[in-house]
Amino acid sequence: MPFHQLDVPALPILLPLGGVLMIVSWVLLHRRGRLSARRLVTAWIAGWYAVAVAGATLLPLHLAWGPGAGPPEFYRIILVPLVTMRVDDFLLNIVMTLPLAALLYLVAGLRERRRVVLTGFLISLAIEVVQAVICLAWHGNRWADVNDLTANTLGAWLGFAIFWRALGSARVRELVRRWSLVDAEPAVAPVHRPATRS
């Protein structure tokens, strides 16, 4: 029975997308009167990070559809954690979201741990849902894996912990202030001192 196939390459999509995001970020900063070299670089880094995540999780794609494409490949959707976990993939997925907390802070001023981790979880969930839909509807060659969701969320949490600890340094706080797209002063992690006897 006939069926259709389509190969979606990575670079011909990702490179123009990155270029478009660079132009859009320049335009937005210029219109808001906030254009500076540092802010532009921060926006570009955030944009290319988003492009890299899209490339790592969705592209390239091999798609097939039609009567002859066969039944949905349910084995590509992994809902049971840890049982089929591959350690190297798990670690790479942690690394992928480590920069998220710093970028959310620099771009949007997001500084609450709960919101940063929730954002990481929701981004990862959206990616896994898209992968599952592509897999079931068009026989995509990607996998939707609950282990990836766990690793991405853990990476967002670890990234927040590392970044927040780094903000304890006055030098880091000054760098964050200079390169941030928002005007808020960098927060300092609270220092817990032992109670003194009176």
N, C-alpha and C. Protein backbone atom coordinates (compact mmCIF):
# COMPACT_ATOMS: atom_id res chain seq x y z
N MET A 1 0.84 -1.19 0.00
CA MET A 1 0.00 0.00 0.00
C MET A 1 0.88 1.25 0.00
N PRO A 2 0.48 2.28 -0.72
CA PRO A 2 1.32 3.48 -0.82
C PRO A 2 1.36 4.27 0.47
N PHE A 3 2.46 4.94 0.68
CA PHE A 3 2.56 5.88 1.79
C PHE A 3 3.58 6.96 1.42
N HIS A 4 3.57 8.01 2.18
CA HIS A 4 4.43 9.16 1.89
C HIS A 4 5.52 9.27 2.95
N GLN A 5 6.67 9.80 2.53
CA GLN A 5 7.79 10.01 3.45
C GLN A 5 8.33 11.42 3.29
N LEU A 6 8.86 11.93 4.37
CA LEU A 6 9.46 13.26 4.33
C LEU A 6 10.60 13.31 5.34
N ASP A 7 11.74 13.75 4.88
CA ASP A 7 12.88 13.98 5.79
C ASP A 7 13.00 15.48 6.04
N VAL A 8 12.92 15.84 7.31
CA VAL A 8 13.03 17.25 7.70
C VAL A 8 14.43 17.47 8.25
N PRO A 9 15.29 18.20 7.54
CA PRO A 9 16.67 18.39 8.00
C PRO A 9 16.75 19.39 9.14
N ALA A 10 17.88 19.41 9.80
CA ALA A 10 18.05 20.30 10.95
C ALA A 10 18.57 21.67 10.56
N LEU A 11 19.74 21.72 9.96
CA LEU A 11 20.41 23.01 9.72
C LEU A 11 19.63 23.97 8.83
N PRO A 12 19.00 23.51 7.74
CA PRO A 12 18.24 24.46 6.91
C PRO A 12 17.07 25.11 7.63
N ILE A 13 16.65 24.54 8.76
CA ILE A 13 15.58 25.13 9.56
C ILE A 13 16.15 25.92 10.73
N LEU A 14 17.13 25.33 11.41
CA LEU A 14 17.63 25.94 12.64
C LEU A 14 18.44 27.21 12.37
N LEU A 15 19.26 27.22 11.34
CA LEU A 15 20.08 28.41 11.07
C LEU A 15 19.22 29.63 10.71
N PRO A 16 18.24 29.52 9.80
CA PRO A 16 17.36 30.68 9.56
C PRO A 16 16.56 31.07 10.80
N LEU A 17 16.12 30.08 11.58
CA LEU A 17 15.38 30.39 12.80
C LEU A 17 16.23 31.20 13.76
N GLY A 18 17.48 30.79 13.94
CA GLY A 18 18.39 31.56 14.81
C GLY A 18 18.60 32.97 14.29
N GLY A 19 18.75 33.11 12.97
CA GLY A 19 18.92 34.44 12.39
C GLY A 19 17.69 35.31 12.61
N VAL A 20 16.50 34.74 12.45
CA VAL A 20 15.27 35.49 12.67
C VAL A 20 15.18 35.95 14.13
N LEU A 21 15.52 35.07 15.07
CA LEU A 21 15.48 35.44 16.48
C LEU A 21 16.47 36.55 16.81
N MET A 22 17.62 36.55 16.14
CA MET A 22 18.59 37.62 16.35
C MET A 22 18.03 38.96 15.88
N ILE A 23 17.37 38.95 14.73
CA ILE A 23 16.79 40.20 14.21
C ILE A 23 15.65 40.67 15.10
N VAL A 24 14.78 39.72 15.50
CA VAL A 24 13.64 40.07 16.34
C VAL A 24 14.10 40.66 17.67
N SER A 25 15.13 40.06 18.28
CA SER A 25 15.61 40.57 19.56
C SER A 25 16.21 41.96 19.41
N TRP A 26 16.90 42.21 18.30
CA TRP A 26 17.46 43.55 18.05
C TRP A 26 16.33 44.57 17.93
N VAL A 27 15.29 44.21 17.15
CA VAL A 27 14.16 45.12 16.93
C VAL A 27 13.45 45.43 18.25
N LEU A 28 13.18 44.39 19.06
CA LEU A 28 12.46 44.59 20.32
C LEU A 28 13.25 45.46 21.28
N LEU A 29 14.54 45.19 21.41
CA LEU A 29 15.37 46.01 22.31
C LEU A 29 15.44 47.45 21.81
N HIS A 30 15.54 47.63 20.50
CA HIS A 30 15.62 48.98 19.94
C HIS A 30 14.33 49.74 20.18
N ARG A 31 13.19 49.09 19.95
CA ARG A 31 11.89 49.75 20.13
C ARG A 31 11.65 50.13 21.59
N ARG A 32 12.17 49.33 22.50
CA ARG A 32 11.97 49.61 23.93
C ARG A 32 13.03 50.54 24.49
N GLY A 33 13.93 51.01 23.65
CA GLY A 33 14.98 51.92 24.10
C GLY A 33 15.98 51.26 25.04
N ARG A 34 16.18 49.95 24.89
CA ARG A 34 17.05 49.22 25.79
C ARG A 34 18.21 48.56 25.05
N LEU A 35 18.45 49.00 23.83
CA LEU A 35 19.47 48.36 23.01
C LEU A 35 20.87 48.74 23.49
N SER A 36 21.66 47.74 23.80
CA SER A 36 23.08 47.90 24.11
C SER A 36 23.77 46.63 23.66
N ALA A 37 25.08 46.70 23.51
CA ALA A 37 25.82 45.53 23.03
C ALA A 37 25.65 44.34 23.98
N ARG A 38 25.73 44.59 25.29
CA ARG A 38 25.63 43.50 26.26
C ARG A 38 24.24 42.86 26.23
N ARG A 39 23.21 43.71 26.23
CA ARG A 39 21.84 43.17 26.22
C ARG A 39 21.58 42.39 24.93
N LEU A 40 22.10 42.89 23.83
CA LEU A 40 21.90 42.21 22.56
C LEU A 40 22.57 40.84 22.58
N VAL A 41 23.77 40.76 23.11
CA VAL A 41 24.47 39.47 23.21
C VAL A 41 23.69 38.51 24.11
N THR A 42 23.18 39.02 25.22
CA THR A 42 22.38 38.17 26.11
C THR A 42 21.16 37.63 25.39
N ALA A 43 20.46 38.50 24.66
CA ALA A 43 19.27 38.06 23.92
C ALA A 43 19.65 37.05 22.85
N TRP A 44 20.77 37.26 22.17
CA TRP A 44 21.20 36.33 21.14
C TRP A 44 21.57 34.97 21.72
N ILE A 45 22.24 34.98 22.86
CA ILE A 45 22.59 33.72 23.50
C ILE A 45 21.33 32.95 23.89
N ALA A 46 20.35 33.67 24.46
CA ALA A 46 19.10 33.02 24.84
C ALA A 46 18.39 32.45 23.61
N GLY A 47 18.39 33.21 22.51
CA GLY A 47 17.75 32.74 21.29
C GLY A 47 18.41 31.50 20.72
N TRP A 48 19.73 31.51 20.67
CA TRP A 48 20.45 30.36 20.13
C TRP A 48 20.36 29.15 21.06
N TYR A 49 20.22 29.41 22.36
CA TYR A 49 19.98 28.30 23.29
C TYR A 49 18.65 27.63 22.96
N ALA A 50 17.61 28.44 22.71
CA ALA A 50 16.31 27.88 22.35
C ALA A 50 16.40 27.10 21.04
N VAL A 51 17.14 27.61 20.09
CA VAL A 51 17.32 26.93 18.81
C VAL A 51 18.05 25.60 19.01
N ALA A 52 19.07 25.61 19.86
CA ALA A 52 19.83 24.39 20.12
C ALA A 52 18.96 23.33 20.79
N VAL A 53 18.10 23.75 21.72
CA VAL A 53 17.20 22.80 22.38
C VAL A 53 16.23 22.21 21.36
N ALA A 54 15.68 23.05 20.50
CA ALA A 54 14.76 22.56 19.46
C ALA A 54 15.47 21.57 18.55
N GLY A 55 16.71 21.89 18.18
CA GLY A 55 17.46 20.98 17.32
C GLY A 55 17.78 19.66 17.99
N ALA A 56 18.14 19.73 19.27
CA ALA A 56 18.51 18.51 19.99
C ALA A 56 17.31 17.59 20.24
N THR A 57 16.12 18.17 20.32
CA THR A 57 14.96 17.37 20.72
C THR A 57 14.01 17.04 19.57
N LEU A 58 14.04 17.82 18.49
CA LEU A 58 13.03 17.62 17.45
C LEU A 58 13.59 17.37 16.05
N LEU A 59 14.80 17.79 15.78
CA LEU A 59 15.34 17.67 14.43
C LEU A 59 16.67 16.94 14.43
N PRO A 60 17.01 16.27 13.31
CA PRO A 60 16.21 16.07 12.10
C PRO A 60 15.09 15.06 12.33
N LEU A 61 14.11 15.07 11.43
CA LEU A 61 12.95 14.19 11.55
C LEU A 61 12.77 13.37 10.28
N HIS A 62 12.41 12.11 10.47
CA HIS A 62 11.97 11.27 9.35
C HIS A 62 10.50 10.97 9.58
N LEU A 63 9.65 11.41 8.66
CA LEU A 63 8.21 11.25 8.82
C LEU A 63 7.68 10.32 7.74
N ALA A 64 6.63 9.60 8.09
CA ALA A 64 5.94 8.73 7.13
C ALA A 64 4.47 8.69 7.49
N TRP A 65 3.59 8.70 6.48
CA TRP A 65 2.16 8.64 6.73
C TRP A 65 1.46 8.01 5.52
N GLY A 66 0.25 7.60 5.75
CA GLY A 66 -0.52 6.94 4.70
C GLY A 66 -0.81 5.50 5.06
N PRO A 67 -1.65 4.83 4.31
CA PRO A 67 -2.07 3.46 4.63
C PRO A 67 -0.91 2.47 4.75
N GLY A 68 0.12 2.67 3.96
CA GLY A 68 1.23 1.72 3.97
C GLY A 68 2.31 2.02 4.99
N ALA A 69 2.13 3.06 5.77
CA ALA A 69 3.17 3.44 6.74
C ALA A 69 3.21 2.52 7.95
N GLY A 70 2.15 1.73 8.14
CA GLY A 70 2.14 0.79 9.26
C GLY A 70 1.43 1.35 10.47
N PRO A 71 1.30 0.51 11.50
CA PRO A 71 0.60 0.94 12.72
C PRO A 71 1.47 1.91 13.54
N PRO A 72 0.85 2.67 14.45
CA PRO A 72 1.63 3.58 15.31
C PRO A 72 2.70 2.82 16.10
N GLU A 73 3.83 3.43 16.28
CA GLU A 73 4.96 2.80 16.98
C GLU A 73 4.91 3.17 18.45
N PHE A 74 4.05 2.49 19.19
CA PHE A 74 3.85 2.82 20.60
C PHE A 74 5.10 2.57 21.44
N TYR A 75 6.00 1.72 20.96
CA TYR A 75 7.21 1.42 21.73
C TYR A 75 8.12 2.64 21.86
N ARG A 76 7.89 3.65 21.02
CA ARG A 76 8.70 4.87 21.11
C ARG A 76 8.24 5.81 22.22
N ILE A 77 7.16 5.47 22.89
CA ILE A 77 6.65 6.29 23.99
C ILE A 77 6.90 5.53 25.29
N ILE A 78 7.80 6.05 26.11
CA ILE A 78 8.21 5.37 27.35
C ILE A 78 7.60 6.11 28.53
N LEU A 79 6.70 5.43 29.23
CA LEU A 79 5.98 6.04 30.35
C LEU A 79 6.44 5.53 31.70
N VAL A 80 7.25 4.47 31.72
CA VAL A 80 7.73 3.91 32.99
C VAL A 80 9.13 4.43 33.26
N PRO A 81 9.33 5.18 34.34
CA PRO A 81 10.66 5.75 34.61
C PRO A 81 11.67 4.71 35.05
N LEU A 82 12.94 5.01 34.79
CA LEU A 82 14.11 4.28 35.28
C LEU A 82 14.32 2.91 34.63
N VAL A 83 13.25 2.19 34.31
CA VAL A 83 13.40 0.81 33.81
C VAL A 83 14.23 0.78 32.54
N THR A 84 13.93 1.66 31.59
CA THR A 84 14.65 1.67 30.32
C THR A 84 15.58 2.88 30.20
N MET A 85 15.94 3.47 31.32
CA MET A 85 16.76 4.67 31.30
C MET A 85 18.17 4.37 30.81
N ARG A 86 18.65 5.21 29.89
CA ARG A 86 20.04 5.15 29.44
C ARG A 86 20.78 6.27 30.14
N VAL A 87 21.83 5.91 30.88
CA VAL A 87 22.51 6.88 31.74
C VAL A 87 23.07 8.05 30.94
N ASP A 88 23.66 7.78 29.78
CA ASP A 88 24.25 8.88 28.99
C ASP A 88 23.18 9.86 28.52
N ASP A 89 22.04 9.34 28.07
CA ASP A 89 20.95 10.23 27.66
C ASP A 89 20.42 11.03 28.86
N PHE A 90 20.30 10.38 30.01
CA PHE A 90 19.79 11.05 31.20
C PHE A 90 20.70 12.21 31.59
N LEU A 91 22.01 11.98 31.57
CA LEU A 91 22.96 13.03 31.93
C LEU A 91 22.95 14.18 30.92
N LEU A 92 22.86 13.84 29.62
CA LEU A 92 22.80 14.89 28.60
C LEU A 92 21.55 15.75 28.75
N ASN A 93 20.45 15.12 29.14
CA ASN A 93 19.22 15.89 29.33
C ASN A 93 19.30 16.78 30.56
N ILE A 94 20.04 16.37 31.57
CA ILE A 94 20.29 17.25 32.72
C ILE A 94 21.11 18.45 32.27
N VAL A 95 22.18 18.19 31.54
CA VAL A 95 23.07 19.27 31.07
C VAL A 95 22.31 20.26 30.19
N MET A 96 21.36 19.75 29.40
CA MET A 96 20.64 20.60 28.46
C MET A 96 19.89 21.73 29.16
N THR A 97 19.36 21.48 30.34
CA THR A 97 18.58 22.52 31.02
C THR A 97 19.33 23.22 32.16
N LEU A 98 20.60 22.92 32.33
CA LEU A 98 21.38 23.62 33.36
C LEU A 98 21.43 25.13 33.14
N PRO A 99 21.56 25.62 31.89
CA PRO A 99 21.62 27.08 31.70
C PRO A 99 20.28 27.79 31.85
N LEU A 100 19.20 27.05 31.97
CA LEU A 100 17.86 27.65 31.92
C LEU A 100 17.66 28.70 33.01
N ALA A 101 18.05 28.40 34.23
CA ALA A 101 17.82 29.34 35.34
C ALA A 101 18.54 30.66 35.10
N ALA A 102 19.79 30.60 34.67
CA ALA A 102 20.54 31.84 34.42
C ALA A 102 19.91 32.64 33.29
N LEU A 103 19.48 31.97 32.23
CA LEU A 103 18.89 32.68 31.11
C LEU A 103 17.53 33.28 31.46
N LEU A 104 16.74 32.54 32.24
CA LEU A 104 15.45 33.09 32.68
C LEU A 104 15.66 34.31 33.57
N TYR A 105 16.69 34.27 34.38
CA TYR A 105 17.01 35.41 35.26
C TYR A 105 17.45 36.61 34.42
N LEU A 106 18.35 36.38 33.47
CA LEU A 106 18.89 37.47 32.66
C LEU A 106 17.86 38.07 31.71
N VAL A 107 17.01 37.23 31.15
CA VAL A 107 16.07 37.68 30.13
C VAL A 107 14.77 38.19 30.74
N ALA A 108 14.27 37.49 31.77
CA ALA A 108 12.94 37.82 32.30
C ALA A 108 12.95 38.21 33.78
N GLY A 109 14.11 38.18 34.42
CA GLY A 109 14.18 38.52 35.84
C GLY A 109 13.56 37.46 36.74
N LEU A 110 13.40 36.26 36.24
CA LEU A 110 12.76 35.18 37.01
C LEU A 110 13.75 34.65 38.04
N ARG A 111 13.38 34.74 39.32
CA ARG A 111 14.34 34.39 40.37
C ARG A 111 13.80 33.40 41.40
N GLU A 112 12.54 32.99 41.31
CA GLU A 112 12.00 32.05 42.29
C GLU A 112 12.28 30.62 41.83
N ARG A 113 12.81 29.81 42.73
CA ARG A 113 13.17 28.44 42.38
C ARG A 113 11.98 27.66 41.84
N ARG A 114 10.83 27.80 42.51
CA ARG A 114 9.65 27.04 42.10
C ARG A 114 9.25 27.37 40.67
N ARG A 115 9.29 28.65 40.31
CA ARG A 115 8.89 29.06 38.97
C ARG A 115 9.91 28.61 37.92
N VAL A 116 11.19 28.66 38.26
CA VAL A 116 12.23 28.22 37.33
C VAL A 116 12.09 26.72 37.06
N VAL A 117 11.93 25.94 38.12
CA VAL A 117 11.81 24.48 37.96
C VAL A 117 10.52 24.14 37.22
N LEU A 118 9.43 24.86 37.53
CA LEU A 118 8.16 24.63 36.83
C LEU A 118 8.30 24.96 35.35
N THR A 119 9.01 26.03 35.04
CA THR A 119 9.24 26.38 33.64
C THR A 119 10.02 25.29 32.93
N GLY A 120 11.07 24.78 33.57
CA GLY A 120 11.83 23.69 32.98
C GLY A 120 10.97 22.46 32.76
N PHE A 121 10.13 22.15 33.74
CA PHE A 121 9.23 21.00 33.62
C PHE A 121 8.25 21.18 32.46
N LEU A 122 7.65 22.36 32.36
CA LEU A 122 6.65 22.60 31.31
C LEU A 122 7.27 22.61 29.92
N ILE A 123 8.47 23.17 29.79
CA ILE A 123 9.16 23.15 28.49
C ILE A 123 9.43 21.71 28.09
N SER A 124 9.95 20.93 29.03
CA SER A 124 10.25 19.53 28.74
C SER A 124 8.98 18.74 28.43
N LEU A 125 7.92 19.00 29.19
CA LEU A 125 6.65 18.31 28.94
C LEU A 125 6.13 18.62 27.55
N ALA A 126 6.21 19.89 27.15
CA ALA A 126 5.77 20.27 25.80
C ALA A 126 6.57 19.54 24.73
N ILE A 127 7.89 19.44 24.93
CA ILE A 127 8.74 18.74 23.97
C ILE A 127 8.34 17.28 23.88
N GLU A 128 8.15 16.62 25.02
CA GLU A 128 7.81 15.20 25.01
C GLU A 128 6.43 14.95 24.39
N VAL A 129 5.48 15.84 24.64
CA VAL A 129 4.14 15.69 24.04
C VAL A 129 4.24 15.84 22.52
N VAL A 130 4.98 16.85 22.06
CA VAL A 130 5.16 17.03 20.62
C VAL A 130 5.82 15.81 20.01
N GLN A 131 6.85 15.28 20.66
CA GLN A 131 7.52 14.08 20.16
C GLN A 131 6.55 12.90 20.09
N ALA A 132 5.70 12.75 21.10
CA ALA A 132 4.74 11.65 21.10
C ALA A 132 3.73 11.80 19.97
N VAL A 133 3.22 13.01 19.77
CA VAL A 133 2.24 13.24 18.70
C VAL A 133 2.87 12.97 17.34
N ILE A 134 4.08 13.46 17.13
CA ILE A 134 4.76 13.23 15.85
C ILE A 134 4.99 11.74 15.64
N CYS A 135 5.36 11.05 16.70
CA CYS A 135 5.61 9.61 16.61
C CYS A 135 4.34 8.85 16.23
N LEU A 136 3.23 9.16 16.87
CA LEU A 136 1.99 8.42 16.65
C LEU A 136 1.30 8.82 15.34
N ALA A 137 1.36 10.11 15.00
CA ALA A 137 0.63 10.58 13.82
C ALA A 137 1.43 10.42 12.53
N TRP A 138 2.74 10.60 12.60
CA TRP A 138 3.55 10.58 11.39
C TRP A 138 4.76 9.65 11.48
N HIS A 139 4.73 8.70 12.39
CA HIS A 139 5.82 7.71 12.51
C HIS A 139 7.18 8.38 12.63
N GLY A 140 7.23 9.44 13.42
CA GLY A 140 8.49 10.15 13.61
C GLY A 140 9.54 9.27 14.25
N ASN A 141 10.80 9.63 14.01
CA ASN A 141 11.91 8.81 14.52
C ASN A 141 12.38 9.23 15.90
N ARG A 142 11.64 10.11 16.58
CA ARG A 142 12.01 10.53 17.93
C ARG A 142 11.28 9.68 18.96
N TRP A 143 11.77 9.76 20.21
CA TRP A 143 11.17 9.02 21.32
C TRP A 143 10.60 10.01 22.33
N ALA A 144 9.47 9.70 22.89
CA ALA A 144 8.91 10.47 24.01
C ALA A 144 9.16 9.66 25.28
N ASP A 145 9.95 10.22 26.18
CA ASP A 145 10.46 9.43 27.30
C ASP A 145 10.28 10.20 28.62
N VAL A 146 9.63 9.56 29.56
CA VAL A 146 9.42 10.19 30.88
C VAL A 146 10.75 10.42 31.58
N ASN A 147 11.77 9.64 31.25
CA ASN A 147 13.10 9.86 31.84
C ASN A 147 13.70 11.19 31.39
N ASP A 148 13.42 11.57 30.14
CA ASP A 148 13.88 12.88 29.66
C ASP A 148 13.21 14.01 30.44
N LEU A 149 11.92 13.84 30.69
CA LEU A 149 11.18 14.84 31.47
C LEU A 149 11.77 14.99 32.87
N THR A 150 12.08 13.86 33.49
CA THR A 150 12.69 13.87 34.83
C THR A 150 14.06 14.54 34.81
N ALA A 151 14.88 14.18 33.81
CA ALA A 151 16.24 14.72 33.72
C ALA A 151 16.21 16.22 33.44
N ASN A 152 15.35 16.66 32.53
CA ASN A 152 15.26 18.09 32.23
C ASN A 152 14.84 18.90 33.45
N THR A 153 13.87 18.37 34.20
CA THR A 153 13.41 19.07 35.41
C THR A 153 14.52 19.11 36.45
N LEU A 154 15.23 18.01 36.61
CA LEU A 154 16.35 17.97 37.54
C LEU A 154 17.44 18.96 37.11
N GLY A 155 17.69 19.05 35.80
CA GLY A 155 18.68 20.00 35.29
C GLY A 155 18.31 21.43 35.59
N ALA A 156 17.02 21.76 35.47
CA ALA A 156 16.57 23.12 35.79
C ALA A 156 16.78 23.42 37.27
N TRP A 157 16.50 22.43 38.13
CA TRP A 157 16.68 22.62 39.57
C TRP A 157 18.16 22.78 39.92
N LEU A 158 19.01 21.92 39.35
CA LEU A 158 20.45 22.02 39.61
C LEU A 158 21.02 23.33 39.08
N GLY A 159 20.55 23.73 37.88
CA GLY A 159 21.02 24.98 37.30
C GLY A 159 20.67 26.16 38.18
N PHE A 160 19.47 26.13 38.76
CA PHE A 160 19.08 27.20 39.68
C PHE A 160 19.99 27.21 40.90
N ALA A 161 20.24 26.02 41.48
CA ALA A 161 21.08 25.95 42.68
C ALA A 161 22.49 26.48 42.41
N ILE A 162 23.05 26.12 41.25
CA ILE A 162 24.40 26.57 40.90
C ILE A 162 24.43 28.08 40.67
N PHE A 163 23.45 28.57 39.91
CA PHE A 163 23.41 29.99 39.59
C PHE A 163 23.17 30.83 40.85
N TRP A 164 22.27 30.37 41.70
CA TRP A 164 21.96 31.12 42.93
C TRP A 164 23.18 31.17 43.84
N ARG A 165 23.92 30.07 43.88
CA ARG A 165 25.14 30.06 44.70
C ARG A 165 26.18 31.03 44.12
N ALA A 166 26.25 31.08 42.79
CA ALA A 166 27.20 31.98 42.15
C ALA A 166 26.87 33.43 42.44
N LEU A 167 25.58 33.74 42.62
CA LEU A 167 25.17 35.11 42.91
C LEU A 167 25.65 35.59 44.28
N GLY A 168 26.18 34.67 45.08
CA GLY A 168 26.78 35.08 46.35
C GLY A 168 28.04 35.89 46.16
N SER A 169 28.61 35.84 44.96
CA SER A 169 29.82 36.61 44.65
C SER A 169 29.44 37.98 44.12
N ALA A 170 30.04 39.02 44.69
CA ALA A 170 29.76 40.39 44.24
C ALA A 170 30.15 40.57 42.78
N ARG A 171 31.22 39.93 42.34
CA ARG A 171 31.65 40.05 40.95
C ARG A 171 30.61 39.46 40.01
N VAL A 172 30.06 38.30 40.37
CA VAL A 172 29.03 37.67 39.53
C VAL A 172 27.78 38.54 39.50
N ARG A 173 27.41 39.09 40.66
CA ARG A 173 26.23 39.95 40.69
C ARG A 173 26.40 41.17 39.79
N GLU A 174 27.59 41.72 39.75
CA GLU A 174 27.84 42.87 38.89
C GLU A 174 27.77 42.48 37.42
N LEU A 175 28.31 41.31 37.08
CA LEU A 175 28.22 40.84 35.70
C LEU A 175 26.76 40.61 35.30
N VAL A 176 25.99 40.01 36.20
CA VAL A 176 24.57 39.77 35.92
C VAL A 176 23.85 41.09 35.71
N ARG A 177 24.15 42.09 36.54
CA ARG A 177 23.50 43.39 36.40
C ARG A 177 23.81 44.03 35.05
N ARG A 178 25.05 43.89 34.61
CA ARG A 178 25.46 44.53 33.36
C ARG A 178 24.86 43.84 32.13
N TRP A 179 24.71 42.52 32.21
CA TRP A 179 24.27 41.77 31.04
C TRP A 179 22.78 41.45 31.04
N SER A 180 22.07 41.85 32.08
CA SER A 180 20.65 41.51 32.20
C SER A 180 19.79 42.39 31.30
N LEU A 181 18.70 41.82 30.81
CA LEU A 181 17.74 42.58 30.01
C LEU A 181 16.74 43.32 30.88
N VAL A 182 16.74 43.04 32.17
CA VAL A 182 15.83 43.71 33.09
C VAL A 182 16.64 44.56 34.05
N ASP A 183 15.99 45.54 34.66
CA ASP A 183 16.70 46.51 35.50
C ASP A 183 16.83 46.09 36.96
N ALA A 184 16.13 45.03 37.37
CA ALA A 184 16.14 44.64 38.78
C ALA A 184 17.55 44.30 39.24
N GLU A 185 17.87 44.71 40.44
CA GLU A 185 19.17 44.39 41.02
C GLU A 185 19.26 42.89 41.27
N PRO A 186 20.41 42.27 40.99
CA PRO A 186 20.55 40.85 41.26
C PRO A 186 20.30 40.52 42.72
N ALA A 187 19.51 39.52 42.94
CA ALA A 187 19.20 39.10 44.31
C ALA A 187 20.39 38.36 44.90
N VAL A 188 20.46 38.38 46.20
CA VAL A 188 21.51 37.66 46.91
C VAL A 188 20.85 36.56 47.71
N ALA A 189 21.42 35.38 47.63
CA ALA A 189 20.88 34.27 48.39
C ALA A 189 20.99 34.60 49.89
N PRO A 190 19.94 34.34 50.65
CA PRO A 190 20.01 34.65 52.08
C PRO A 190 21.08 33.86 52.78
N VAL A 191 21.78 34.54 53.66
CA VAL A 191 22.83 33.89 54.43
C VAL A 191 22.27 33.55 55.80
N HIS A 192 22.36 32.28 56.18
CA HIS A 192 21.83 31.85 57.46
C HIS A 192 22.97 31.82 58.48
N ARG A 193 22.85 32.65 59.49
CA ARG A 193 23.87 32.71 60.53
C ARG A 193 23.37 32.04 61.80
N PRO A 194 24.24 31.37 62.50
CA PRO A 194 23.78 30.74 63.74
C PRO A 194 23.35 31.79 64.76
N ALA A 195 22.35 31.45 65.53
CA ALA A 195 21.84 32.38 66.53
C ALA A 195 22.92 32.59 67.61
N THR A 196 23.04 33.85 68.06
CA THR A 196 24.03 34.16 69.10
C THR A 196 23.33 34.24 70.45
N ARG A 197 24.06 33.91 71.47
CA ARG A 197 23.52 33.98 72.82
C ARG A 197 23.52 35.41 73.33
N SER A 198 22.46 35.82 73.95
CA SER A 198 22.40 37.19 74.48
C SER A 198 22.73 37.21 75.96
